[in-house]
Structure formats: structure tokens, C-alpha cells
Amino acid sequence: MKHLISLVLGLTLLTSCSESFFDKYPTDATSFDNYCRTAGEVQNVLYAAYGGLRDNFANAIVYTGDLPTDNAYCYKVVNSADHITLHESGVASSNGMLGNLWQSGYQIINRCNLVIANMTEKFSSDPKFNQYVGEAKFIRAYAYYAMVRVFGDVPLVVEDIMQPMDVFNYGRESVDNVYVQIIEDLTDAVAKLPVSYSAQTEIGRITSTAAQAILADVYLTRKKYAEAKTLYEAIIAKEGASLGLIDGAQYKSIFSAENVNNKEIIFAIRYAYAQTPAMSNYLMRASLGNIEGVAINPPGYTNSLIYGVNLMMMTTDLATLYEENDLRRSVVHMGLHAKHLEGDQYPEVIVPQTLKYFDYRNITDGRSGNVPESGCPTIISRYADIILKYAECLNETDPAAAIVQIKRIRDRAGVTTDINATKNDVALAIEKERRLELGLEGHRWFDLVRTGRAQEVMNAYYKRGAASLSYLPEYIVDCEFGSLTVPAMVADYELLYPIPYAQNQLNPDKLPQNPGY
């Protein structure tokens, strides 16, 4: 049996046996020397690839997507340099989140490689061949898509590595070549995977629609608008009882841990509430505040004992962007006040937070402290995201048609739409709507980089810090905007992040550092 070697530390495959697909949790170390003897054992490796998406990988996707932007910040009392520097454009190669993304990404990729190789070599006639290979190719492609947007050139590994020292033969592959592989994998996944699953134990697994969604995103990122538009239209053509927008009055149910198969979610990384071993989504803790130990009481609740750890707080800049009657405010918590900072000038300073990862069962179960459980998913693709990206494609040739799609999202939110039908005005309206709709879901930074607006938007944001002292206390301003004396600035080279320090030091010839770091 081949040996699976991680590009980082060496991989131990983990498996389990549970009736429900998403209850499967890696618990037992397995030797590779005599494994993958059946298609069922290969499926266990696939489960491990799914499981690898949780925690460090999923967290890093959201952190790198929102913390570097005007959407989220780290409340500095926690003194987490990794989160603070990500928000203030001061990232170093030692940043732990980037190291976690790299390490977990290649662990996931190697598990997928093992699935693809074993199914192809041994079980090509198995009834599950297309499904398992399609799922593995999707996960491999998504892992590469996440990493290539963060690091740029990355090692491209599409086979099981048999000898440990062979790891050092893999250098950084060009972004263009990595995207060729991503597109090839996703195209094959679209062809191989079903549109849906009928068995209850398989609902939530990757579908052809999910593969179409990520492939369209890849084309959009590569500015291949016609190809992306065709795929988005193919997804929209499926709109119906099992795919579409949730009613605005039920907006917060999109993110509910007890509604993870709702029709708006196309692909999400799943978690579970109060399991042993734990499968909780850490983003609930990260996105909640701990201000003088005051509990987070969402609207309608008064007996919560829950608070968070301040790592990914919603900015005032984003919270004040919502109109008063916007139904999306149901997932924006405005009930926490920084009372220890209040004075005559700041009678009611609100510290906004997102409730997209809040599992309300913590309150009903009487859980307390800053270690709440969350079964809420980390949503990678949902229908509203598709509609707004489709609008982006339409705007290339028909701004008026793009406005129709934006209006669908704003109508659902209960707010009016008034946009000039010029390409630039519509592009800015899409940018704003994606921020309101998808805030703290890990999209904002990648949106700004894709549209070439990251430096303009973020450098203007940092400069606004000083003016914010007129309505926010200095400490809040320092957390949300960074230094006021020398405002942060996104330089050209900071549109990519550094290769993790350990990787560069282990193999400096093959893994040279990105310029500027």
C-alpha cells in the first residue's frame, strides 16, 4: 500500500463508523500499509477529507476573507497578533492562521489524492466510483482554490507521495497551472456528481450544483465572465422547492444549526452541537464579544450566559451600513455596549457582532461562559451569493439586467433598490450588496481583490479612523482601524500573503518567499 505523505508534517488518516454521514468524526488512527482494500475503506478516507475541511481550514477561509477588510476586526484585549495583524495589513510569515491553512490544505489534498488513486486503480467498476472520485476532486479543487488566492503560486500535488523525501521535489507551481488543475477537477466533478441525494444519510454531500458554483466562481475570479455566466444560469435554472432564496422573514434560519439542509445552502462545511469528541464550529466563539463579561442576549432572549473571545468582531462601519428596516439585521447583534468606555461624549457605544454562527441551543440548554457549542455550518456557497455573482457577470454587458438581480436580493431583505444603470454604479452597488448579504462569511477580501479594489477601499478605510473619533471611543477606533498616527496601508505585494515561515525555511529553494515579506 502506498504511503500518504503530507507536505507539512505527515498525515495520519482518521476514520469512524456512524450511521449519519455528517456524524462521522475521525477517531481511530489507521495504518496505510494494508488499507483501502475495499471501496468502503476508500470512502473512509473520503470522510477524512470532508472532516479535514473543518476547524483550522474553515476558520482560515473566513478569517482571511473578512479580517483584512472593513467588515471585521479583533478586539485587542485578547492580544492575538495573528488576528490583529491580519486586520491591520501587517501580516508576517509566522502568522499561525496562514500556517494552519497551508498544513490543513495539503492534508485534505493528500487524502483526496488517495481516494482518486485507489478508486481509479482498484474500483473503477464500483457503483460508487463516480460519486467518490467526484467528491474527492471537488474537495481537492476547493482546497487549491482557497490556497492559490491566499498564497499565489503553490505546490501542485495530484498523486500519492510514496517516499518522504519526495516532498522536497515539489516547488511552487504557477497560479495559471494551478487554476488549470482546479478547472479540470471541478469540470470532472460536475460530470460525475448527482444533482441531489435521496438517502437521508447522504443529504449534504457535495453535488454537481456545488461543483458548478465553485467552477463558476473560479471563472469569475479569472475574469472569464461568459463561462461564469453560463454556469450561474445553469444553477439558476434549477431554482425551485429545493434551491432558492429563503423568505426574508426567516433570514436567520439560513444559518441555523437545525436547518443545515435549507434550500439556500449549496455547499457548507458541517459541524455538530454538543458531540463527543467535539465537532463545534469555533467561529461562534470567535465572532462574539466578551466586554466586561456581559452575556450575549440576541433579540427575544434575556437569560443567556454566553459570551465570546473577541477574535472576529463586526465593524461599526459594516453594522451602520444596514438600513433600519433591513431584514438581515436579524443576524446582527446590537445589544452589547462598551460600558466601561462610556462617558459624556459616548453615552451608548454599541459593539456589533454577527449571529451567523450563533447556536441558540446554548441558551435553551443553559450553557455558560466563553466555550459555547455551535453546530452552525461555515457556508461556502449559497444561492444569494450566486445571484450577486451572476449580476457581476451581467454587468459586463448589460447593467440594467444586473440591477434586476440585485433587486432580488434587496427585495428579499425588505429594502428598496435605486441604482443608476451605469457599469460603474452597478459594480459599486454589487460590491455593497455583497458586503451586506455575505458579511463575515469569508468573501469580502477576495471580492475586493477580484475586482481590483482592495487597496483603494482598504486604504481609504484606514484613513477614516481619525474621523471616527467623533463618535467612537479611542480604544474602539484603535481596534477597528488600527494606528491613527500612521494609518495602515495595503501595499501592492500585500494582495498575496506570505508563504508560512516553516515551509520556506524547510525548502527555501523550492518554496521561495513571496516578494515583500
Protein backbone atom coordinates (compact mmCIF):
# COMPACT_ATOMS: atom_id res chain seq x y z
CA MET A 1 0.00 0.00 0.00
CA LYS A 2 1.29 3.47 -0.85
CA HIS A 3 2.13 5.83 1.96
CA LEU A 4 0.39 9.18 2.08
CA ILE A 5 2.88 11.91 2.98
CA SER A 6 1.70 15.37 3.97
CA LEU A 7 3.71 18.27 2.60
CA VAL A 8 3.83 19.59 6.12
CA LEU A 9 4.02 17.11 8.95
CA GLY A 10 2.94 13.69 7.74
CA LEU A 11 -0.66 12.61 7.74
CA THR A 12 -2.46 10.16 9.97
CA LEU A 13 -5.70 9.02 8.41
CA LEU A 14 -8.65 9.09 10.73
CA THR A 15 -11.89 7.18 10.37
CA SER A 16 -15.04 6.29 12.24
CA CYS A 17 -18.26 4.35 11.84
CA SER A 18 -21.56 6.12 12.34
CA GLU A 19 -24.88 5.81 10.56
CA SER A 20 -25.19 9.50 9.70
CA PHE A 21 -22.78 10.85 7.10
CA PHE A 22 -22.17 14.14 8.89
CA ASP A 23 -21.79 12.48 12.28
CA LYS A 24 -18.67 10.75 11.04
CA TYR A 25 -15.75 12.02 13.03
CA PRO A 26 -12.12 10.90 12.77
CA THR A 27 -11.33 8.93 15.93
CA ASP A 28 -9.05 6.00 15.14
CA ALA A 29 -5.55 6.05 13.67
CA THR A 30 -5.22 3.68 10.73
CA SER A 31 -2.17 2.13 9.09
CA PHE A 32 -1.89 2.70 5.35
CA ASP A 33 0.09 -0.47 4.76
CA ASN A 34 -2.99 -2.65 4.42
CA TYR A 35 -5.78 -0.14 4.00
CA CYS A 36 -8.06 0.79 1.07
CA ARG A 37 -8.75 -2.87 0.33
CA THR A 38 -12.41 -2.12 -0.40
CA ALA A 39 -14.38 0.80 -1.79
CA GLY A 40 -15.88 1.18 1.69
CA GLU A 41 -12.42 1.72 3.17
CA VAL A 42 -11.68 4.28 0.47
CA GLN A 43 -14.87 6.05 1.48
CA ASN A 44 -13.44 6.34 4.99
CA VAL A 45 -10.52 8.26 3.51
CA LEU A 46 -13.05 10.48 1.76
CA TYR A 47 -14.77 11.05 5.12
CA ALA A 48 -11.40 12.15 6.46
CA ALA A 49 -11.10 14.64 3.58
CA TYR A 50 -14.53 16.06 4.45
CA GLY A 51 -13.53 16.15 8.13
CA GLY A 52 -10.31 17.98 7.27
CA LEU A 53 -12.32 20.91 5.97
CA ARG A 54 -13.47 21.70 9.50
CA ASP A 55 -11.72 23.80 12.10
CA ASN A 56 -8.35 25.25 11.00
CA PHE A 57 -9.11 25.17 7.29
CA ALA A 58 -12.65 26.57 7.52
CA ASN A 59 -11.65 29.14 10.13
CA ALA A 60 -8.74 30.34 7.99
CA ILE A 61 -11.04 30.78 4.98
CA VAL A 62 -13.33 33.09 6.95
CA TYR A 63 -10.54 34.90 8.78
CA THR A 64 -8.59 35.64 5.58
CA GLY A 65 -11.81 36.63 3.83
CA ASP A 66 -13.08 39.18 6.38
CA LEU A 67 -10.44 40.20 8.93
CA PRO A 68 -8.26 42.03 6.37
CA THR A 69 -11.25 44.20 5.47
CA ASP A 70 -13.68 46.81 6.72
CA ASN A 71 -16.04 44.02 7.83
CA ALA A 72 -14.27 42.58 10.87
CA TYR A 73 -11.58 43.26 13.45
CA CYS A 74 -10.01 41.74 16.55
CA TYR A 75 -10.92 43.40 19.86
CA LYS A 76 -7.37 43.84 21.08
CA VAL A 77 -7.92 42.93 24.70
CA VAL A 78 -7.24 39.32 23.61
CA ASN A 79 -3.83 40.39 22.24
CA SER A 80 -3.90 37.91 19.34
CA ALA A 81 -1.19 39.15 16.98
CA ASP A 82 -2.31 36.73 14.24
CA HIS A 83 -5.80 38.25 14.08
CA ILE A 84 -4.78 41.87 14.75
CA THR A 85 -2.08 41.99 12.06
CA LEU A 86 -4.39 40.34 9.53
CA HIS A 87 -6.83 43.22 10.04
CA GLU A 88 -4.19 45.95 10.05
CA SER A 89 -2.23 44.83 6.99
CA GLY A 90 0.84 43.79 8.96
CA VAL A 91 0.94 40.03 8.38
CA ALA A 92 4.20 38.14 8.94
CA SER A 93 5.17 34.73 7.59
CA SER A 94 4.91 33.39 11.16
CA ASN A 95 1.14 34.03 11.21
CA GLY A 96 -0.45 30.92 12.66
CA MET A 97 -3.65 31.13 10.59
CA LEU A 98 -1.68 31.04 7.36
CA GLY A 99 0.34 28.09 8.65
CA ASN A 100 -2.89 26.29 9.55
CA LEU A 101 -4.38 26.94 6.12
CA TRP A 102 -1.30 25.54 4.38
CA GLN A 103 -0.96 22.50 6.61
CA SER A 104 -4.61 21.53 6.67
CA GLY A 105 -4.97 22.30 2.97
CA TYR A 106 -2.32 19.79 1.97
CA GLN A 107 -3.61 17.20 4.38
CA ILE A 108 -7.01 17.49 2.68
CA ILE A 109 -5.43 17.36 -0.78
CA ASN A 110 -3.42 14.27 0.04
CA ARG A 111 -6.50 12.47 1.34
CA CYS A 112 -8.28 13.32 -1.90
CA ASN A 113 -5.32 12.08 -3.93
CA LEU A 114 -5.51 8.76 -2.11
CA VAL A 115 -9.24 8.42 -2.83
CA ILE A 116 -8.83 9.23 -6.52
CA ALA A 117 -5.84 6.92 -6.97
CA ASN A 118 -7.37 3.93 -5.19
CA MET A 119 -10.78 4.22 -6.82
CA THR A 120 -9.15 4.55 -10.25
CA GLU A 121 -6.66 1.70 -9.79
CA LYS A 122 -8.84 -0.79 -7.92
CA PHE A 123 -12.52 0.07 -8.04
CA SER A 124 -13.21 1.71 -11.39
CA SER A 125 -16.25 -0.54 -11.91
CA ASP A 126 -17.71 0.06 -8.44
CA PRO A 127 -21.19 1.68 -8.45
CA LYS A 128 -19.83 4.48 -6.23
CA PHE A 129 -16.83 5.25 -8.45
CA ASN A 130 -18.19 8.46 -9.98
CA GLN A 131 -19.51 9.75 -6.67
CA TYR A 132 -16.37 9.17 -4.62
CA VAL A 133 -13.99 10.44 -7.30
CA GLY A 134 -16.24 13.41 -8.00
CA GLU A 135 -16.40 14.37 -4.34
CA ALA A 136 -12.64 13.98 -3.92
CA LYS A 137 -11.92 16.08 -7.00
CA PHE A 138 -14.26 18.79 -5.77
CA ILE A 139 -12.62 18.92 -2.33
CA ARG A 140 -9.12 18.90 -3.84
CA ALA A 141 -10.05 21.70 -6.24
CA TYR A 142 -11.65 23.78 -3.49
CA ALA A 143 -8.61 23.38 -1.24
CA TYR A 144 -6.36 24.59 -4.04
CA TYR A 145 -8.75 27.43 -4.87
CA ALA A 146 -8.64 28.61 -1.26
CA MET A 147 -4.84 28.48 -1.13
CA VAL A 148 -3.99 29.91 -4.54
CA ARG A 149 -5.99 33.06 -3.75
CA VAL A 150 -4.12 33.48 -0.46
CA PHE A 151 -0.56 32.47 -1.38
CA GLY A 152 -0.37 32.70 -5.18
CA ASP A 153 1.95 30.03 -6.58
CA VAL A 154 1.69 26.82 -4.52
CA PRO A 155 2.98 23.24 -4.95
CA LEU A 156 0.66 21.23 -7.18
CA VAL A 157 0.38 17.64 -5.96
CA VAL A 158 -2.13 15.35 -7.63
CA GLU A 159 -0.76 11.94 -6.72
CA ASP A 160 0.01 9.95 -3.58
CA ILE A 161 3.59 10.60 -2.47
CA MET A 162 5.31 7.30 -1.76
CA GLN A 163 8.67 8.39 -0.33
CA PRO A 164 9.03 11.02 2.41
CA MET A 165 11.96 12.80 0.77
CA ASP A 166 9.98 13.21 -2.46
CA VAL A 167 8.12 16.00 -0.71
CA PHE A 168 11.14 18.24 -1.26
CA ASN A 169 10.87 17.82 -5.02
CA TYR A 170 7.68 19.84 -5.14
CA GLY A 171 8.17 23.53 -5.71
CA ARG A 172 5.73 26.35 -6.24
CA GLU A 173 3.64 25.93 -9.37
CA SER A 174 2.40 28.99 -11.26
CA VAL A 175 -1.05 30.32 -10.46
CA ASP A 176 -2.09 29.68 -14.07
CA ASN A 177 -1.13 26.00 -13.86
CA VAL A 178 -2.86 25.56 -10.52
CA TYR A 179 -6.05 27.01 -11.99
CA VAL A 180 -5.81 24.62 -14.93
CA GLN A 181 -5.93 21.73 -12.44
CA ILE A 182 -8.73 23.32 -10.41
CA ILE A 183 -10.86 23.78 -13.51
CA GLU A 184 -10.14 20.23 -14.70
CA ASP A 185 -11.11 18.76 -11.32
CA LEU A 186 -14.29 20.80 -10.99
CA THR A 187 -15.36 20.08 -14.56
CA ASP A 188 -14.98 16.37 -13.92
CA ALA A 189 -16.86 16.71 -10.61
CA VAL A 190 -19.77 18.42 -12.39
CA ALA A 191 -19.96 15.47 -14.79
CA LYS A 192 -19.65 12.77 -12.14
CA LEU A 193 -21.79 14.01 -9.25
CA PRO A 194 -25.56 13.83 -8.82
CA VAL A 195 -27.76 16.92 -8.63
CA SER A 196 -29.09 15.69 -5.27
CA TYR A 197 -29.17 12.70 -2.92
CA SER A 198 -32.22 10.79 -1.83
CA ALA A 199 -30.81 8.84 1.11
CA GLN A 200 -31.08 10.82 4.35
CA THR A 201 -27.56 9.76 5.36
CA GLU A 202 -26.12 11.34 2.18
CA ILE A 203 -28.00 14.64 2.08
CA GLY A 204 -25.43 17.39 2.43
CA ARG A 205 -22.71 15.64 0.45
CA ILE A 206 -21.21 17.51 -2.49
CA THR A 207 -23.45 17.75 -5.54
CA SER A 208 -22.94 18.71 -9.17
CA THR A 209 -24.60 22.05 -8.34
CA ALA A 210 -21.92 22.74 -5.75
CA ALA A 211 -19.25 21.90 -8.30
CA GLN A 212 -20.89 24.23 -10.83
CA ALA A 213 -20.98 27.01 -8.22
CA ILE A 214 -17.29 26.82 -7.36
CA LEU A 215 -16.30 26.37 -11.01
CA ALA A 216 -18.28 29.50 -11.87
CA ASP A 217 -16.52 31.34 -9.04
CA VAL A 218 -13.16 30.24 -10.45
CA TYR A 219 -14.08 31.55 -13.89
CA LEU A 220 -15.28 34.82 -12.37
CA THR A 221 -12.01 35.17 -10.47
CA ARG A 222 -10.14 34.55 -13.74
CA LYS A 223 -12.36 37.19 -15.41
CA LYS A 224 -13.86 34.66 -17.80
CA TYR A 225 -17.28 36.23 -17.49
CA ALA A 226 -19.01 34.35 -20.31
CA GLU A 227 -18.05 30.95 -18.88
CA ALA A 228 -19.06 32.01 -15.37
CA LYS A 229 -22.36 33.45 -16.60
CA THR A 230 -23.27 30.20 -18.35
CA LEU A 231 -22.70 28.20 -15.18
CA TYR A 232 -24.60 30.63 -12.96
CA GLU A 233 -27.51 30.46 -15.38
CA ALA A 234 -27.44 26.66 -15.22
CA ILE A 235 -27.71 26.86 -11.43
CA ILE A 236 -30.47 29.48 -11.50
CA ALA A 237 -32.42 27.28 -13.93
CA LYS A 238 -32.70 24.72 -11.10
CA GLU A 239 -34.43 27.19 -8.76
CA GLY A 240 -37.43 25.63 -7.08
CA ALA A 241 -38.53 23.94 -3.88
CA SER A 242 -35.05 22.64 -3.07
CA LEU A 243 -32.95 25.56 -4.33
CA GLY A 244 -33.56 29.28 -3.99
CA LEU A 245 -33.80 32.21 -1.61
CA ILE A 246 -35.20 31.75 1.88
CA ASP A 247 -38.02 34.17 2.71
CA GLY A 248 -36.69 37.38 4.22
CA ALA A 249 -38.79 36.99 7.37
CA GLN A 250 -36.90 33.74 8.02
CA TYR A 251 -33.49 35.14 7.08
CA LYS A 252 -31.65 33.99 10.18
CA SER A 253 -32.80 30.40 9.55
CA ILE A 254 -30.32 30.23 6.66
CA PHE A 255 -27.54 29.95 9.24
CA SER A 256 -29.35 27.80 11.78
CA ALA A 257 -27.67 24.67 13.06
CA GLU A 258 -31.06 23.00 12.92
CA ASN A 259 -31.71 23.95 9.30
CA VAL A 260 -28.45 22.97 7.62
CA ASN A 261 -30.18 21.43 4.60
CA ASN A 262 -32.20 24.53 3.74
CA LYS A 263 -32.66 25.39 0.09
CA GLU A 264 -30.31 28.38 0.11
CA ILE A 265 -27.17 26.42 1.03
CA ILE A 266 -25.33 24.94 -1.94
CA PHE A 267 -22.18 23.84 -0.14
CA ALA A 268 -21.22 24.21 3.51
CA ILE A 269 -18.68 22.78 5.93
CA ARG A 270 -20.69 21.00 8.60
CA TYR A 271 -20.36 20.86 12.38
CA ALA A 272 -22.38 19.33 15.21
CA TYR A 273 -23.68 20.57 18.54
CA ALA A 274 -22.56 19.07 21.86
CA GLN A 275 -20.82 15.98 20.48
CA THR A 276 -18.05 13.87 21.98
CA PRO A 277 -15.46 14.22 20.51
CA ALA A 278 -16.29 17.88 19.90
CA MET A 279 -17.37 18.99 16.42
CA SER A 280 -18.31 22.56 17.34
CA ASN A 281 -17.82 25.50 14.98
CA TYR A 282 -15.28 27.75 16.70
CA LEU A 283 -16.45 30.76 14.70
CA MET A 284 -19.32 31.21 17.16
CA ARG A 285 -16.83 31.97 19.92
CA ALA A 286 -14.59 33.99 17.61
CA SER A 287 -17.38 36.27 16.38
CA LEU A 288 -18.85 37.08 19.80
CA GLY A 289 -17.53 39.67 22.22
CA ASN A 290 -16.53 39.49 25.84
CA ILE A 291 -16.96 43.05 27.08
CA GLU A 292 -16.75 43.12 30.88
CA GLY A 293 -18.18 39.60 30.86
CA VAL A 294 -21.57 40.79 29.61
CA ALA A 295 -23.53 37.90 28.08
CA ILE A 296 -24.79 37.95 24.51
CA ASN A 297 -28.58 38.12 24.52
CA PRO A 298 -29.97 38.03 20.97
CA PRO A 299 -33.36 39.68 20.39
CA GLY A 300 -36.06 37.77 22.24
CA TYR A 301 -33.70 36.31 24.86
CA THR A 302 -32.87 37.61 28.33
CA ASN A 303 -31.29 34.67 30.14
CA SER A 304 -28.18 33.99 28.06
CA LEU A 305 -24.95 33.15 29.86
CA ILE A 306 -22.89 33.11 26.66
CA TYR A 307 -20.06 35.40 25.60
CA GLY A 308 -17.20 35.06 23.14
CA VAL A 309 -13.48 35.62 22.66
CA ASN A 310 -13.41 38.84 20.56
CA LEU A 311 -11.38 37.49 17.61
CA MET A 312 -13.66 38.38 14.69
CA MET A 313 -15.94 41.22 15.69
CA MET A 314 -18.16 43.05 13.22
CA THR A 315 -17.02 46.59 12.50
CA THR A 316 -19.20 49.57 13.24
CA ASP A 317 -18.52 50.51 9.62
CA LEU A 318 -20.44 47.44 8.41
CA ALA A 319 -23.16 47.46 11.08
CA THR A 320 -24.19 51.05 10.31
CA LEU A 321 -24.48 50.23 6.61
CA TYR A 322 -27.72 48.29 7.17
CA GLU A 323 -30.92 50.27 6.76
CA GLU A 324 -33.20 50.30 9.79
CA ASN A 325 -35.81 48.04 8.16
CA ASP A 326 -33.32 45.62 6.57
CA LEU A 327 -34.41 42.10 7.50
CA ARG A 328 -30.78 40.99 7.51
CA ARG A 329 -30.35 42.87 10.77
CA SER A 330 -31.82 39.75 12.39
CA VAL A 331 -28.29 38.29 12.35
CA VAL A 332 -26.61 41.49 13.55
CA HIS A 333 -26.46 41.74 17.33
CA MET A 334 -26.67 45.36 18.51
CA GLY A 335 -27.30 44.72 22.20
CA LEU A 336 -23.75 44.84 23.57
CA HIS A 337 -22.44 48.16 24.84
CA ALA A 338 -18.87 49.03 25.75
CA LYS A 339 -20.00 50.46 29.06
CA HIS A 340 -16.51 50.75 30.52
CA LEU A 341 -15.68 53.19 27.70
CA GLU A 342 -18.77 55.33 28.01
CA GLY A 343 -18.58 58.94 29.02
CA ASP A 344 -20.37 62.20 28.36
CA GLN A 345 -19.28 62.10 24.74
CA TYR A 346 -20.19 58.44 24.17
CA PRO A 347 -23.42 57.69 26.03
CA GLU A 348 -24.24 54.45 24.18
CA VAL A 349 -21.36 52.83 22.33
CA ILE A 350 -22.61 49.67 20.60
CA VAL A 351 -20.23 46.82 19.83
CA PRO A 352 -21.91 44.97 16.92
CA GLN A 353 -21.46 41.25 16.30
CA THR A 354 -22.69 38.71 13.80
CA LEU A 355 -25.09 35.97 14.87
CA LYS A 356 -24.48 33.86 11.74
CA TYR A 357 -22.62 31.25 13.81
CA PHE A 358 -24.76 31.56 16.95
CA ASP A 359 -26.36 28.30 18.05
CA TYR A 360 -29.43 29.24 20.10
CA ARG A 361 -29.48 25.87 21.82
CA ASN A 362 -26.77 27.22 24.13
CA ILE A 363 -29.39 29.47 25.69
CA THR A 364 -32.16 26.91 25.89
CA ASP A 365 -29.72 24.37 27.35
CA GLY A 366 -28.35 26.86 29.88
CA ARG A 367 -24.73 26.69 28.73
CA SER A 368 -22.46 29.38 30.10
CA GLY A 369 -19.12 31.05 29.60
CA ASN A 370 -16.95 31.62 26.55
CA VAL A 371 -16.95 27.99 25.39
CA PRO A 372 -20.34 27.71 23.67
CA GLU A 373 -21.12 24.88 21.29
CA SER A 374 -22.14 25.60 17.72
CA GLY A 375 -23.50 23.26 15.11
CA CYS A 376 -23.91 26.14 12.64
CA PRO A 377 -22.24 25.50 9.30
CA THR A 378 -19.50 27.52 7.67
CA ILE A 379 -21.27 28.30 4.41
CA ILE A 380 -19.02 28.28 1.36
CA SER A 381 -21.66 28.83 -1.33
CA ARG A 382 -25.30 29.84 -1.07
CA TYR A 383 -27.93 30.98 -3.50
CA ALA A 384 -27.76 34.70 -2.71
CA ASP A 385 -24.01 34.56 -3.44
CA ILE A 386 -24.84 33.00 -6.84
CA ILE A 387 -27.38 35.73 -7.68
CA LEU A 388 -24.94 38.54 -6.89
CA LYS A 389 -22.07 36.96 -8.78
CA TYR A 390 -24.41 36.41 -11.71
CA ALA A 391 -25.18 40.14 -11.54
CA GLU A 392 -21.45 40.81 -11.69
CA CYS A 393 -21.24 38.82 -14.94
CA LEU A 394 -24.29 40.56 -16.41
CA ASN A 395 -22.87 43.96 -15.59
CA GLU A 396 -20.07 43.40 -18.08
CA THR A 397 -22.54 43.84 -20.93
CA ASP A 398 -25.96 44.77 -19.52
CA PRO A 399 -26.02 46.85 -16.30
CA ALA A 400 -29.83 47.07 -16.35
CA ALA A 401 -30.10 43.27 -16.27
CA ALA A 402 -27.64 43.19 -13.37
CA ILE A 403 -29.86 45.58 -11.39
CA VAL A 404 -32.74 43.10 -11.72
CA GLN A 405 -30.64 40.51 -9.90
CA ILE A 406 -29.52 42.95 -7.19
CA LYS A 407 -33.16 43.87 -6.68
CA ARG A 408 -33.99 40.22 -5.98
CA ILE A 409 -31.63 40.28 -3.00
CA ARG A 410 -32.77 43.67 -1.76
CA ASP A 411 -36.45 42.77 -2.14
CA ARG A 412 -35.83 39.71 0.00
CA ALA A 413 -34.21 41.96 2.60
CA GLY A 414 -37.22 44.31 2.56
CA VAL A 415 -35.33 47.36 1.26
CA THR A 416 -35.82 49.43 -1.88
CA THR A 417 -33.49 49.49 -4.89
CA ASP A 418 -32.39 52.70 -6.61
CA ILE A 419 -29.28 52.24 -8.77
CA ASN A 420 -28.13 54.18 -11.82
CA ALA A 421 -27.80 51.82 -14.77
CA THR A 422 -24.16 52.56 -15.49
CA LYS A 423 -21.49 49.89 -15.30
CA ASN A 424 -19.52 51.64 -12.56
CA ASP A 425 -22.56 52.45 -10.40
CA VAL A 426 -23.85 48.90 -10.70
CA ALA A 427 -20.42 47.46 -9.86
CA LEU A 428 -20.33 49.54 -6.67
CA ALA A 429 -23.89 48.51 -5.83
CA ILE A 430 -22.97 44.82 -6.20
CA GLU A 431 -19.92 45.37 -4.01
CA LYS A 432 -22.04 47.00 -1.31
CA GLU A 433 -24.78 44.36 -1.53
CA ARG A 434 -22.30 41.50 -1.24
CA ARG A 435 -20.93 43.16 1.87
CA LEU A 436 -24.40 43.45 3.43
CA GLU A 437 -25.54 40.00 2.39
CA LEU A 438 -22.36 37.96 2.91
CA GLY A 439 -20.55 39.84 5.68
CA LEU A 440 -18.37 37.60 7.91
CA GLU A 441 -18.86 34.60 5.64
CA GLY A 442 -15.33 34.91 4.22
CA HIS A 443 -15.94 36.74 0.91
CA ARG A 444 -15.09 40.44 1.29
CA TRP A 445 -11.28 40.38 0.80
CA PHE A 446 -11.47 38.05 -2.16
CA ASP A 447 -14.24 40.19 -3.71
CA LEU A 448 -12.09 43.30 -3.41
CA VAL A 449 -9.00 41.60 -4.81
CA ARG A 450 -11.01 40.10 -7.69
CA THR A 451 -12.40 43.50 -8.70
CA GLY A 452 -9.09 45.31 -8.21
CA ARG A 453 -10.50 47.48 -5.41
CA ALA A 454 -8.71 46.10 -2.34
CA GLN A 455 -6.12 48.85 -1.98
CA GLU A 456 -8.47 51.71 -2.80
CA VAL A 457 -11.18 50.55 -0.38
CA MET A 458 -8.96 49.47 2.48
CA ASN A 459 -6.51 52.38 2.40
CA ALA A 460 -9.47 54.79 2.47
CA TYR A 461 -10.92 52.80 5.38
CA TYR A 462 -7.72 53.04 7.44
CA LYS A 463 -7.60 56.80 6.85
CA ARG A 464 -11.17 57.18 8.13
CA GLY A 465 -10.05 56.07 11.57
CA ALA A 466 -9.20 59.54 12.86
CA ALA A 467 -12.59 60.94 11.81
CA SER A 468 -14.28 58.11 13.68
CA LEU A 469 -13.10 59.55 16.99
CA SER A 470 -16.03 61.94 16.78
CA TYR A 471 -18.47 59.12 17.54
CA LEU A 472 -16.38 56.20 18.86
CA PRO A 473 -14.05 55.93 21.85
CA GLU A 474 -10.34 55.92 21.04
CA TYR A 475 -9.86 52.31 22.10
CA ILE A 476 -12.64 51.07 19.79
CA VAL A 477 -11.21 53.15 16.95
CA ASP A 478 -7.77 51.68 17.60
CA CYS A 479 -9.24 48.17 17.36
CA GLU A 480 -11.37 48.80 14.29
CA PHE A 481 -8.98 50.96 12.26
CA GLY A 482 -5.52 50.48 13.74
CA SER A 483 -2.96 53.21 14.35
CA LEU A 484 -4.26 56.75 13.87
CA THR A 485 -0.84 58.39 13.79
CA VAL A 486 0.48 56.16 10.99
CA PRO A 487 -2.57 54.63 9.26
CA ALA A 488 -2.18 51.12 7.93
CA MET A 489 -1.83 50.70 4.18
CA VAL A 490 -2.22 47.77 1.80
CA ALA A 491 0.87 47.73 -0.41
CA ASP A 492 0.96 46.06 -3.83
CA TYR A 493 2.70 42.96 -2.51
CA GLU A 494 0.14 42.53 0.28
CA LEU A 495 -2.54 41.40 -2.17
CA LEU A 496 -0.95 38.00 -1.54
CA TYR A 497 0.05 36.64 1.85
CA PRO A 498 3.44 35.19 2.80
CA ILE A 499 4.33 31.55 2.46
CA PRO A 500 4.37 30.15 6.04
CA TYR A 501 7.79 30.61 7.62
CA ALA A 502 8.33 26.92 8.37
CA GLN A 503 7.67 25.93 4.75
CA ASN A 504 10.09 28.49 3.40
CA GLN A 505 12.79 27.50 5.88
CA LEU A 506 12.42 23.76 5.23
CA ASN A 507 12.66 24.11 1.46
CA PRO A 508 13.84 27.63 0.54
CA ASP A 509 14.91 26.73 -2.99
CA LYS A 510 11.58 25.17 -3.96
CA LEU A 511 9.35 27.35 -1.75
CA PRO A 512 10.78 30.89 -2.02
CA GLN A 513 9.02 33.60 -0.09
CA ASN A 514 6.56 35.95 -1.78
CA PRO A 515 8.14 39.33 -2.60
CA GLY A 516 7.94 41.97 0.11
CA TYR A 517 7.88 39.59 3.10
